[in-house]
Amino acid sequence: MVDREKTLVVRQKVIRYIILESEVTTSDTITLTDFSSITAASLFKLSDGVAVTFTKATNVITITSAALTDEKIVGIVIGVPA
């Protein structure tokens, strides 16, 4: 398991949501330090638009989709500002 970097595509002054892209493998995590907790999120593979499954705990997303290896994804995450 690796904690992956993300690229912020859109950012507000008071962060309530972000649009991000990242490259992930199954079981990787994405830590969103802009949020104290994540309210909702949707992630999709850039290659074919298929939804990526994940779990969320406080401000960390863990990728659970099977058989992903260095897959580029894009997503929107809504949360409580840190």
N, C-alpha and C. Protein backbone atom coordinates (compact mmCIF):
# COMPACT_ATOMS: atom_id res chain seq x y z
N MET A 1 0.84 -1.17 0.00
CA MET A 1 0.00 0.00 0.00
C MET A 1 0.89 1.23 0.00
N VAL A 2 0.53 2.18 -0.85
CA VAL A 2 1.30 3.41 -1.00
C VAL A 2 0.35 4.59 -0.87
N ASP A 3 0.73 5.64 -0.15
CA ASP A 3 -0.06 6.85 -0.09
C ASP A 3 0.30 7.67 -1.32
N ARG A 4 -0.63 7.80 -2.26
CA ARG A 4 -0.37 8.45 -3.54
C ARG A 4 -0.58 9.95 -3.49
N GLU A 5 0.13 10.66 -4.33
CA GLU A 5 -0.02 12.10 -4.50
C GLU A 5 -1.24 12.37 -5.36
N LYS A 6 -1.81 13.56 -5.20
CA LYS A 6 -2.92 13.97 -6.06
C LYS A 6 -2.60 15.34 -6.62
N THR A 7 -3.22 15.66 -7.74
CA THR A 7 -3.07 16.97 -8.35
C THR A 7 -4.40 17.68 -8.21
N LEU A 8 -4.42 18.83 -7.55
CA LEU A 8 -5.65 19.60 -7.43
C LEU A 8 -5.91 20.31 -8.74
N VAL A 9 -7.10 20.12 -9.28
CA VAL A 9 -7.46 20.75 -10.54
C VAL A 9 -8.20 22.06 -10.28
N VAL A 10 -9.06 22.06 -9.27
CA VAL A 10 -9.84 23.24 -8.90
C VAL A 10 -9.68 23.45 -7.41
N ARG A 11 -9.55 24.70 -6.99
CA ARG A 11 -9.40 24.99 -5.57
C ARG A 11 -10.14 26.28 -5.24
N GLN A 12 -10.84 26.27 -4.12
CA GLN A 12 -11.54 27.45 -3.65
C GLN A 12 -10.76 28.07 -2.50
N LYS A 13 -11.15 29.28 -2.10
CA LYS A 13 -10.52 29.90 -0.95
C LYS A 13 -10.82 29.10 0.32
N VAL A 14 -12.09 28.80 0.56
CA VAL A 14 -12.49 27.91 1.65
C VAL A 14 -12.85 26.59 0.98
N ILE A 15 -12.02 25.59 1.19
CA ILE A 15 -12.17 24.32 0.48
C ILE A 15 -13.39 23.58 0.98
N ARG A 16 -14.36 23.39 0.10
CA ARG A 16 -15.52 22.56 0.40
C ARG A 16 -15.56 21.36 -0.55
N TYR A 17 -14.95 21.54 -1.71
CA TYR A 17 -14.83 20.42 -2.65
C TYR A 17 -13.56 20.60 -3.46
N ILE A 18 -13.05 19.48 -3.97
CA ILE A 18 -11.91 19.53 -4.86
C ILE A 18 -12.15 18.56 -6.01
N ILE A 19 -11.57 18.87 -7.13
CA ILE A 19 -11.51 17.96 -8.26
C ILE A 19 -10.05 17.55 -8.35
N LEU A 20 -9.81 16.25 -8.41
CA LEU A 20 -8.43 15.79 -8.37
C LEU A 20 -8.17 14.74 -9.44
N GLU A 21 -6.90 14.54 -9.72
CA GLU A 21 -6.48 13.42 -10.53
C GLU A 21 -5.28 12.79 -9.85
N SER A 22 -5.14 11.49 -10.06
CA SER A 22 -4.05 10.75 -9.42
C SER A 22 -3.79 9.49 -10.22
N GLU A 23 -2.72 8.81 -9.91
CA GLU A 23 -2.41 7.51 -10.50
C GLU A 23 -2.36 6.52 -9.34
N VAL A 24 -3.23 5.50 -9.39
CA VAL A 24 -3.40 4.62 -8.23
C VAL A 24 -3.31 3.15 -8.59
N THR A 25 -3.04 2.36 -7.58
CA THR A 25 -3.04 0.90 -7.63
C THR A 25 -3.97 0.44 -6.51
N THR A 26 -4.59 -0.71 -6.66
CA THR A 26 -5.48 -1.25 -5.63
C THR A 26 -4.79 -1.19 -4.26
N SER A 27 -5.52 -0.75 -3.25
CA SER A 27 -5.08 -0.60 -1.85
C SER A 27 -4.28 0.67 -1.57
N ASP A 28 -4.02 1.50 -2.58
CA ASP A 28 -3.36 2.78 -2.34
C ASP A 28 -4.30 3.71 -1.59
N THR A 29 -3.72 4.70 -0.93
CA THR A 29 -4.51 5.71 -0.24
C THR A 29 -4.22 7.09 -0.81
N ILE A 30 -5.21 7.96 -0.68
CA ILE A 30 -5.05 9.38 -1.03
C ILE A 30 -5.47 10.16 0.21
N THR A 31 -4.54 10.90 0.79
CA THR A 31 -4.81 11.69 1.97
C THR A 31 -5.09 13.13 1.55
N LEU A 32 -6.24 13.65 1.95
CA LEU A 32 -6.66 15.00 1.57
C LEU A 32 -6.54 15.92 2.79
N THR A 33 -5.39 16.56 2.91
CA THR A 33 -5.11 17.39 4.07
C THR A 33 -5.96 18.66 4.10
N ASP A 34 -6.63 19.01 3.00
CA ASP A 34 -7.50 20.18 2.97
C ASP A 34 -8.79 19.94 3.75
N PHE A 35 -9.10 18.68 4.05
CA PHE A 35 -10.33 18.33 4.74
C PHE A 35 -10.05 17.71 6.10
N SER A 36 -10.92 17.98 7.07
CA SER A 36 -10.87 17.26 8.34
C SER A 36 -11.66 15.96 8.20
N SER A 37 -12.65 15.96 7.31
CA SER A 37 -13.38 14.73 6.99
C SER A 37 -13.98 14.84 5.59
N ILE A 38 -14.16 13.69 4.97
CA ILE A 38 -14.74 13.61 3.63
C ILE A 38 -16.21 13.29 3.77
N THR A 39 -17.05 14.09 3.11
CA THR A 39 -18.50 13.88 3.15
C THR A 39 -18.94 12.93 2.05
N ALA A 40 -18.45 13.14 0.84
CA ALA A 40 -18.82 12.32 -0.31
C ALA A 40 -17.74 12.41 -1.36
N ALA A 41 -17.68 11.40 -2.24
CA ALA A 41 -16.68 11.40 -3.31
C ALA A 41 -17.12 10.49 -4.44
N SER A 42 -16.64 10.78 -5.63
CA SER A 42 -16.80 9.91 -6.80
C SER A 42 -15.48 9.90 -7.54
N LEU A 43 -15.01 8.71 -7.90
CA LEU A 43 -13.75 8.54 -8.61
C LEU A 43 -13.99 7.71 -9.87
N PHE A 44 -13.27 8.05 -10.95
CA PHE A 44 -13.44 7.37 -12.23
C PHE A 44 -12.10 7.14 -12.91
N LYS A 45 -11.97 6.02 -13.62
CA LYS A 45 -10.76 5.77 -14.41
C LYS A 45 -10.78 6.68 -15.64
N LEU A 46 -9.67 7.31 -15.95
CA LEU A 46 -9.58 8.17 -17.12
C LEU A 46 -9.60 7.36 -18.42
N SER A 47 -9.15 6.12 -18.36
CA SER A 47 -9.06 5.31 -19.58
C SER A 47 -10.42 4.97 -20.18
N ASP A 48 -11.42 4.70 -19.32
CA ASP A 48 -12.72 4.27 -19.85
C ASP A 48 -13.92 4.82 -19.09
N GLY A 49 -13.69 5.65 -18.08
CA GLY A 49 -14.79 6.27 -17.35
C GLY A 49 -15.48 5.38 -16.33
N VAL A 50 -14.97 4.18 -16.12
CA VAL A 50 -15.56 3.26 -15.16
C VAL A 50 -15.32 3.78 -13.74
N ALA A 51 -16.34 3.67 -12.89
CA ALA A 51 -16.23 4.12 -11.50
C ALA A 51 -15.18 3.28 -10.76
N VAL A 52 -14.43 3.95 -9.90
CA VAL A 52 -13.42 3.31 -9.05
C VAL A 52 -14.04 3.19 -7.66
N THR A 53 -14.00 1.99 -7.08
CA THR A 53 -14.55 1.82 -5.74
C THR A 53 -13.48 2.16 -4.70
N PHE A 54 -13.96 2.63 -3.54
CA PHE A 54 -13.05 3.08 -2.49
C PHE A 54 -13.80 3.09 -1.17
N THR A 55 -13.03 3.21 -0.09
CA THR A 55 -13.60 3.48 1.22
C THR A 55 -13.03 4.81 1.68
N LYS A 56 -13.72 5.44 2.63
CA LYS A 56 -13.23 6.71 3.17
C LYS A 56 -13.26 6.65 4.69
N ALA A 57 -12.24 7.21 5.29
CA ALA A 57 -12.15 7.31 6.74
C ALA A 57 -11.52 8.66 7.06
N THR A 58 -12.21 9.48 7.79
CA THR A 58 -11.83 10.87 8.05
C THR A 58 -11.44 11.56 6.74
N ASN A 59 -10.16 11.83 6.51
CA ASN A 59 -9.75 12.52 5.28
C ASN A 59 -8.89 11.64 4.37
N VAL A 60 -9.07 10.33 4.46
CA VAL A 60 -8.28 9.39 3.65
C VAL A 60 -9.19 8.51 2.80
N ILE A 61 -8.87 8.43 1.52
CA ILE A 61 -9.57 7.54 0.59
C ILE A 61 -8.66 6.34 0.33
N THR A 62 -9.20 5.14 0.43
CA THR A 62 -8.46 3.92 0.12
C THR A 62 -9.11 3.26 -1.09
N ILE A 63 -8.33 3.02 -2.12
CA ILE A 63 -8.82 2.43 -3.37
C ILE A 63 -9.07 0.94 -3.15
N THR A 64 -10.30 0.48 -3.50
CA THR A 64 -10.66 -0.93 -3.31
C THR A 64 -10.98 -1.65 -4.61
N SER A 65 -11.05 -0.93 -5.73
CA SER A 65 -11.29 -1.60 -7.03
C SER A 65 -10.21 -2.64 -7.26
N ALA A 66 -10.62 -3.83 -7.68
CA ALA A 66 -9.67 -4.92 -7.92
C ALA A 66 -8.86 -4.68 -9.19
N ALA A 67 -7.67 -5.21 -9.21
CA ALA A 67 -6.81 -5.29 -10.39
C ALA A 67 -6.43 -3.94 -10.99
N LEU A 68 -6.27 -2.91 -10.18
CA LEU A 68 -5.77 -1.63 -10.69
C LEU A 68 -4.26 -1.57 -10.47
N THR A 69 -3.54 -1.19 -11.51
CA THR A 69 -2.10 -1.00 -11.40
C THR A 69 -1.73 0.28 -12.12
N ASP A 70 -1.28 1.26 -11.36
CA ASP A 70 -0.89 2.57 -11.92
C ASP A 70 -1.95 3.11 -12.88
N GLU A 71 -3.19 3.10 -12.45
CA GLU A 71 -4.33 3.56 -13.24
C GLU A 71 -4.56 5.05 -12.97
N LYS A 72 -4.67 5.84 -14.03
CA LYS A 72 -4.96 7.27 -13.86
C LYS A 72 -6.45 7.43 -13.59
N ILE A 73 -6.76 8.22 -12.53
CA ILE A 73 -8.14 8.46 -12.16
C ILE A 73 -8.40 9.95 -12.02
N VAL A 74 -9.67 10.31 -12.03
CA VAL A 74 -10.12 11.66 -11.77
C VAL A 74 -11.30 11.55 -10.82
N GLY A 75 -11.49 12.57 -9.99
CA GLY A 75 -12.60 12.50 -9.05
C GLY A 75 -12.97 13.84 -8.46
N ILE A 76 -14.13 13.85 -7.83
CA ILE A 76 -14.58 15.01 -7.07
C ILE A 76 -14.80 14.56 -5.64
N VAL A 77 -14.33 15.37 -4.69
CA VAL A 77 -14.45 15.03 -3.29
C VAL A 77 -15.04 16.24 -2.57
N ILE A 78 -16.07 16.00 -1.75
CA ILE A 78 -16.72 17.03 -0.95
C ILE A 78 -16.37 16.74 0.50
N GLY A 79 -16.04 17.79 1.26
CA GLY A 79 -15.65 17.54 2.64
C GLY A 79 -15.78 18.74 3.54
N VAL A 80 -15.45 18.54 4.79
CA VAL A 80 -15.44 19.57 5.81
C VAL A 80 -14.04 20.17 5.84
N PRO A 81 -13.92 21.50 5.65
CA PRO A 81 -12.58 22.11 5.62
C PRO A 81 -11.79 21.85 6.90
N ALA A 82 -10.48 21.68 6.72
CA ALA A 82 -9.59 21.43 7.86
C ALA A 82 -9.35 22.70 8.63
